[in-house]
Amino acid sequence: ATQKCRKQVNHLNINCAQGDNMSISCLTTTHPLESLTVKLRRTSQNKDILIYPDISPASEHQRWSVKKDAENVTLDLKDIRLSDDGLYDCQVYKDQDCLNVIRFNLK
């Protein structure tokens, strides 16, 4: 089991309209994406939405994806819905170490 992320959390407020796409940078790193674990947790509902690369998300969450562009690990959400409102944590791990946490509020 991975340890709890206790890093200082960056808090972002993201205002989106329905049908928009958005992208959040979770980490800047030289590590290859394959060596990282990215966990997206919906804090307001206390459940994991996406764990990259271990778990293929439930169909309702296939709009979320993780990619790495140059040194930037980003979390993408497409076709935003009103039901996506809430508080989320994007946690990035390397092995058992927590590298970063981004907390964001989608509204």
C-alpha atoms as a PDB file:
ATOM      1  CA  ALA A   1       0.000   0.000   0.000  1.00  0.00           C
ATOM      2  CA  THR A   2       1.268   3.444  -0.821  1.00  0.00           C
ATOM      3  CA  GLN A   3       1.839   5.799   2.055  1.00  0.00           C
ATOM      4  CA  LYS A   4      -0.446   8.747   2.560  1.00  0.00           C
ATOM      5  CA  CYS A   5       0.583  11.843   0.676  1.00  0.00           C
ATOM      6  CA  ARG A   6       1.336  14.490   3.249  1.00  0.00           C
ATOM      7  CA  LYS A   7       3.074  16.989   1.042  1.00  0.00           C
ATOM      8  CA  GLN A   8       2.024  20.613   1.057  1.00  0.00           C
ATOM      9  CA  VAL A   9      -0.987  20.706  -1.200  1.00  0.00           C
ATOM     10  CA  ASN A  10      -1.366  23.264  -3.949  1.00  0.00           C
ATOM     11  CA  HIS A  11      -4.963  24.377  -4.080  1.00  0.00           C
ATOM     12  CA  LEU A  12      -6.465  25.380  -7.396  1.00  0.00           C
ATOM     13  CA  ASN A  13      -9.922  26.615  -8.189  1.00  0.00           C
ATOM     14  CA  ILE A  14     -10.971  25.718 -11.694  1.00  0.00           C
ATOM     15  CA  ASN A  15     -14.039  27.237 -13.241  1.00  0.00           C
ATOM     16  CA  CYS A  16     -15.384  25.281 -16.174  1.00  0.00           C
ATOM     17  CA  ALA A  17     -18.421  25.349 -18.361  1.00  0.00           C
ATOM     18  CA  GLN A  18     -20.313  22.213 -19.284  1.00  0.00           C
ATOM     19  CA  GLY A  19     -18.767  20.522 -22.320  1.00  0.00           C
ATOM     20  CA  ASP A  20     -15.341  22.128 -21.759  1.00  0.00           C
ATOM     21  CA  ASN A  21     -12.060  20.242 -21.608  1.00  0.00           C
ATOM     22  CA  MET A  22      -9.429  20.990 -19.006  1.00  0.00           C
ATOM     23  CA  SER A  23      -5.881  20.028 -18.213  1.00  0.00           C
ATOM     24  CA  ILE A  24      -4.011  20.247 -14.899  1.00  0.00           C
ATOM     25  CA  SER A  25      -0.308  19.905 -14.388  1.00  0.00           C
ATOM     26  CA  CYS A  26       0.258  17.486 -11.484  1.00  0.00           C
ATOM     27  CA  LEU A  27       4.050  17.282 -11.549  1.00  0.00           C
ATOM     28  CA  THR A  28       7.157  18.360 -13.410  1.00  0.00           C
ATOM     29  CA  THR A  29       9.664  15.528 -13.492  1.00  0.00           C
ATOM     30  CA  THR A  30      12.300  13.823 -15.586  1.00  0.00           C
ATOM     31  CA  HIS A  31      11.010  10.384 -14.518  1.00  0.00           C
ATOM     32  CA  PRO A  32       9.283   8.506 -17.331  1.00  0.00           C
ATOM     33  CA  LEU A  33       5.528   8.311 -16.916  1.00  0.00           C
ATOM     34  CA  GLU A  34       5.743   4.499 -16.884  1.00  0.00           C
ATOM     35  CA  SER A  35       7.656   4.679 -13.594  1.00  0.00           C
ATOM     36  CA  LEU A  36       5.034   6.806 -11.835  1.00  0.00           C
ATOM     37  CA  THR A  37       1.674   6.128 -10.279  1.00  0.00           C
ATOM     38  CA  VAL A  38      -0.910   8.863 -10.629  1.00  0.00           C
ATOM     39  CA  LYS A  39      -3.918   8.634  -8.378  1.00  0.00           C
ATOM     40  CA  LEU A  40      -6.946  10.866  -8.748  1.00  0.00           C
ATOM     41  CA  ARG A  41      -9.169  10.960  -5.712  1.00  0.00           C
ATOM     42  CA  ARG A  42     -12.491  12.707  -5.424  1.00  0.00           C
ATOM     43  CA  THR A  43     -12.113  14.104  -1.933  1.00  0.00           C
ATOM     44  CA  SER A  44     -15.699  15.281  -1.685  1.00  0.00           C
ATOM     45  CA  GLN A  45     -16.901  11.683  -2.196  1.00  0.00           C
ATOM     46  CA  ASN A  46     -13.852   9.992  -0.717  1.00  0.00           C
ATOM     47  CA  LYS A  47     -13.289   7.675  -3.658  1.00  0.00           C
ATOM     48  CA  ASP A  48     -10.556   6.982  -6.177  1.00  0.00           C
ATOM     49  CA  ILE A  49     -11.536   7.911  -9.714  1.00  0.00           C
ATOM     50  CA  LEU A  50      -8.410   6.993 -11.589  1.00  0.00           C
ATOM     51  CA  ILE A  51      -5.267   5.114 -10.710  1.00  0.00           C
ATOM     52  CA  TYR A  52      -2.709   5.223 -13.499  1.00  0.00           C
ATOM     53  CA  PRO A  53      -1.509   2.788 -14.751  1.00  0.00           C
ATOM     54  CA  ASP A  54      -2.967   0.042 -12.530  1.00  0.00           C
ATOM     55  CA  ILE A  55      -6.689   0.282 -12.890  1.00  0.00           C
ATOM     56  CA  SER A  56      -8.741   0.946 -15.960  1.00  0.00           C
ATOM     57  CA  PRO A  57     -11.385   3.389 -14.770  1.00  0.00           C
ATOM     58  CA  ALA A  58     -15.082   2.710 -14.666  1.00  0.00           C
ATOM     59  CA  SER A  59     -16.893   3.834 -17.782  1.00  0.00           C
ATOM     60  CA  GLU A  60     -18.150   7.013 -16.113  1.00  0.00           C
ATOM     61  CA  HIS A  61     -14.537   8.077 -15.675  1.00  0.00           C
ATOM     62  CA  GLN A  62     -13.162   7.368 -19.139  1.00  0.00           C
ATOM     63  CA  ARG A  63     -13.187  11.099 -19.730  1.00  0.00           C
ATOM     64  CA  TRP A  64     -10.170  11.376 -17.397  1.00  0.00           C
ATOM     65  CA  SER A  65      -6.693  10.615 -18.681  1.00  0.00           C
ATOM     66  CA  VAL A  66      -3.057  11.043 -17.727  1.00  0.00           C
ATOM     67  CA  LYS A  67      -0.294  12.055 -20.096  1.00  0.00           C
ATOM     68  CA  LYS A  68       3.253  13.330 -20.042  1.00  0.00           C
ATOM     69  CA  ASP A  69       4.358  16.157 -22.262  1.00  0.00           C
ATOM     70  CA  ALA A  70       8.075  16.954 -22.115  1.00  0.00           C
ATOM     71  CA  GLU A  71       8.574  17.026 -18.313  1.00  0.00           C
ATOM     72  CA  ASN A  72       4.998  17.798 -17.397  1.00  0.00           C
ATOM     73  CA  VAL A  73       2.627  15.131 -16.064  1.00  0.00           C
ATOM     74  CA  THR A  74      -0.895  16.325 -16.761  1.00  0.00           C
ATOM     75  CA  LEU A  75      -4.352  15.165 -15.894  1.00  0.00           C
ATOM     76  CA  ASP A  76      -6.964  15.782 -18.567  1.00  0.00           C
ATOM     77  CA  LEU A  77     -10.727  15.808 -18.339  1.00  0.00           C
ATOM     78  CA  LYS A  78     -12.843  16.041 -21.446  1.00  0.00           C
ATOM     79  CA  ASP A  79     -16.499  16.908 -21.879  1.00  0.00           C
ATOM     80  CA  ILE A  80     -17.001  18.344 -18.402  1.00  0.00           C
ATOM     81  CA  ARG A  81     -20.391  17.745 -16.810  1.00  0.00           C
ATOM     82  CA  LEU A  82     -22.171  19.480 -13.969  1.00  0.00           C
ATOM     83  CA  SER A  83     -21.788  16.278 -11.945  1.00  0.00           C
ATOM     84  CA  ASP A  84     -17.985  16.700 -12.046  1.00  0.00           C
ATOM     85  CA  ASP A  85     -18.250  19.527  -9.490  1.00  0.00           C
ATOM     86  CA  GLY A  86     -16.212  18.875  -6.393  1.00  0.00           C
ATOM     87  CA  LEU A  87     -12.869  18.718  -4.688  1.00  0.00           C
ATOM     88  CA  TYR A  88     -10.166  16.413  -6.074  1.00  0.00           C
ATOM     89  CA  ASP A  89      -6.635  15.373  -5.187  1.00  0.00           C
ATOM     90  CA  CYS A  90      -4.145  14.369  -7.854  1.00  0.00           C
ATOM     91  CA  GLN A  91      -1.346  12.417  -6.138  1.00  0.00           C
ATOM     92  CA  VAL A  92       1.818  11.344  -7.908  1.00  0.00           C
ATOM     93  CA  TYR A  93       3.966   8.514  -6.515  1.00  0.00           C
ATOM     94  CA  LYS A  94       7.313   7.068  -7.507  1.00  0.00           C
ATOM     95  CA  ASP A  95       7.484   3.582  -5.982  1.00  0.00           C
ATOM     96  CA  GLN A  96       6.250   4.244  -2.428  1.00  0.00           C
ATOM     97  CA  ASP A  97       7.263   7.892  -2.309  1.00  0.00           C
ATOM     98  CA  CYS A  98       4.753  10.641  -2.736  1.00  0.00           C
ATOM     99  CA  LEU A  99       6.215  13.244  -5.087  1.00  0.00           C
ATOM    100  CA  ASN A 100       3.411  15.745  -5.247  1.00  0.00           C
ATOM    101  CA  VAL A 101      -0.232  16.440  -4.498  1.00  0.00           C
ATOM    102  CA  ILE A 102      -2.395  18.923  -6.329  1.00  0.00           C
ATOM    103  CA  ARG A 103      -5.779  19.631  -4.808  1.00  0.00           C
ATOM    104  CA  PHE A 104      -8.270  21.276  -7.075  1.00  0.00           C
ATOM    105  CA  ASN A 105     -11.845  22.383  -6.854  1.00  0.00           C
ATOM    106  CA  LEU A 106     -13.863  21.991 -10.026  1.00  0.00           C
ATOM    107  CA  LYS A 107     -16.902  24.147 -10.411  1.00  0.00           C
END
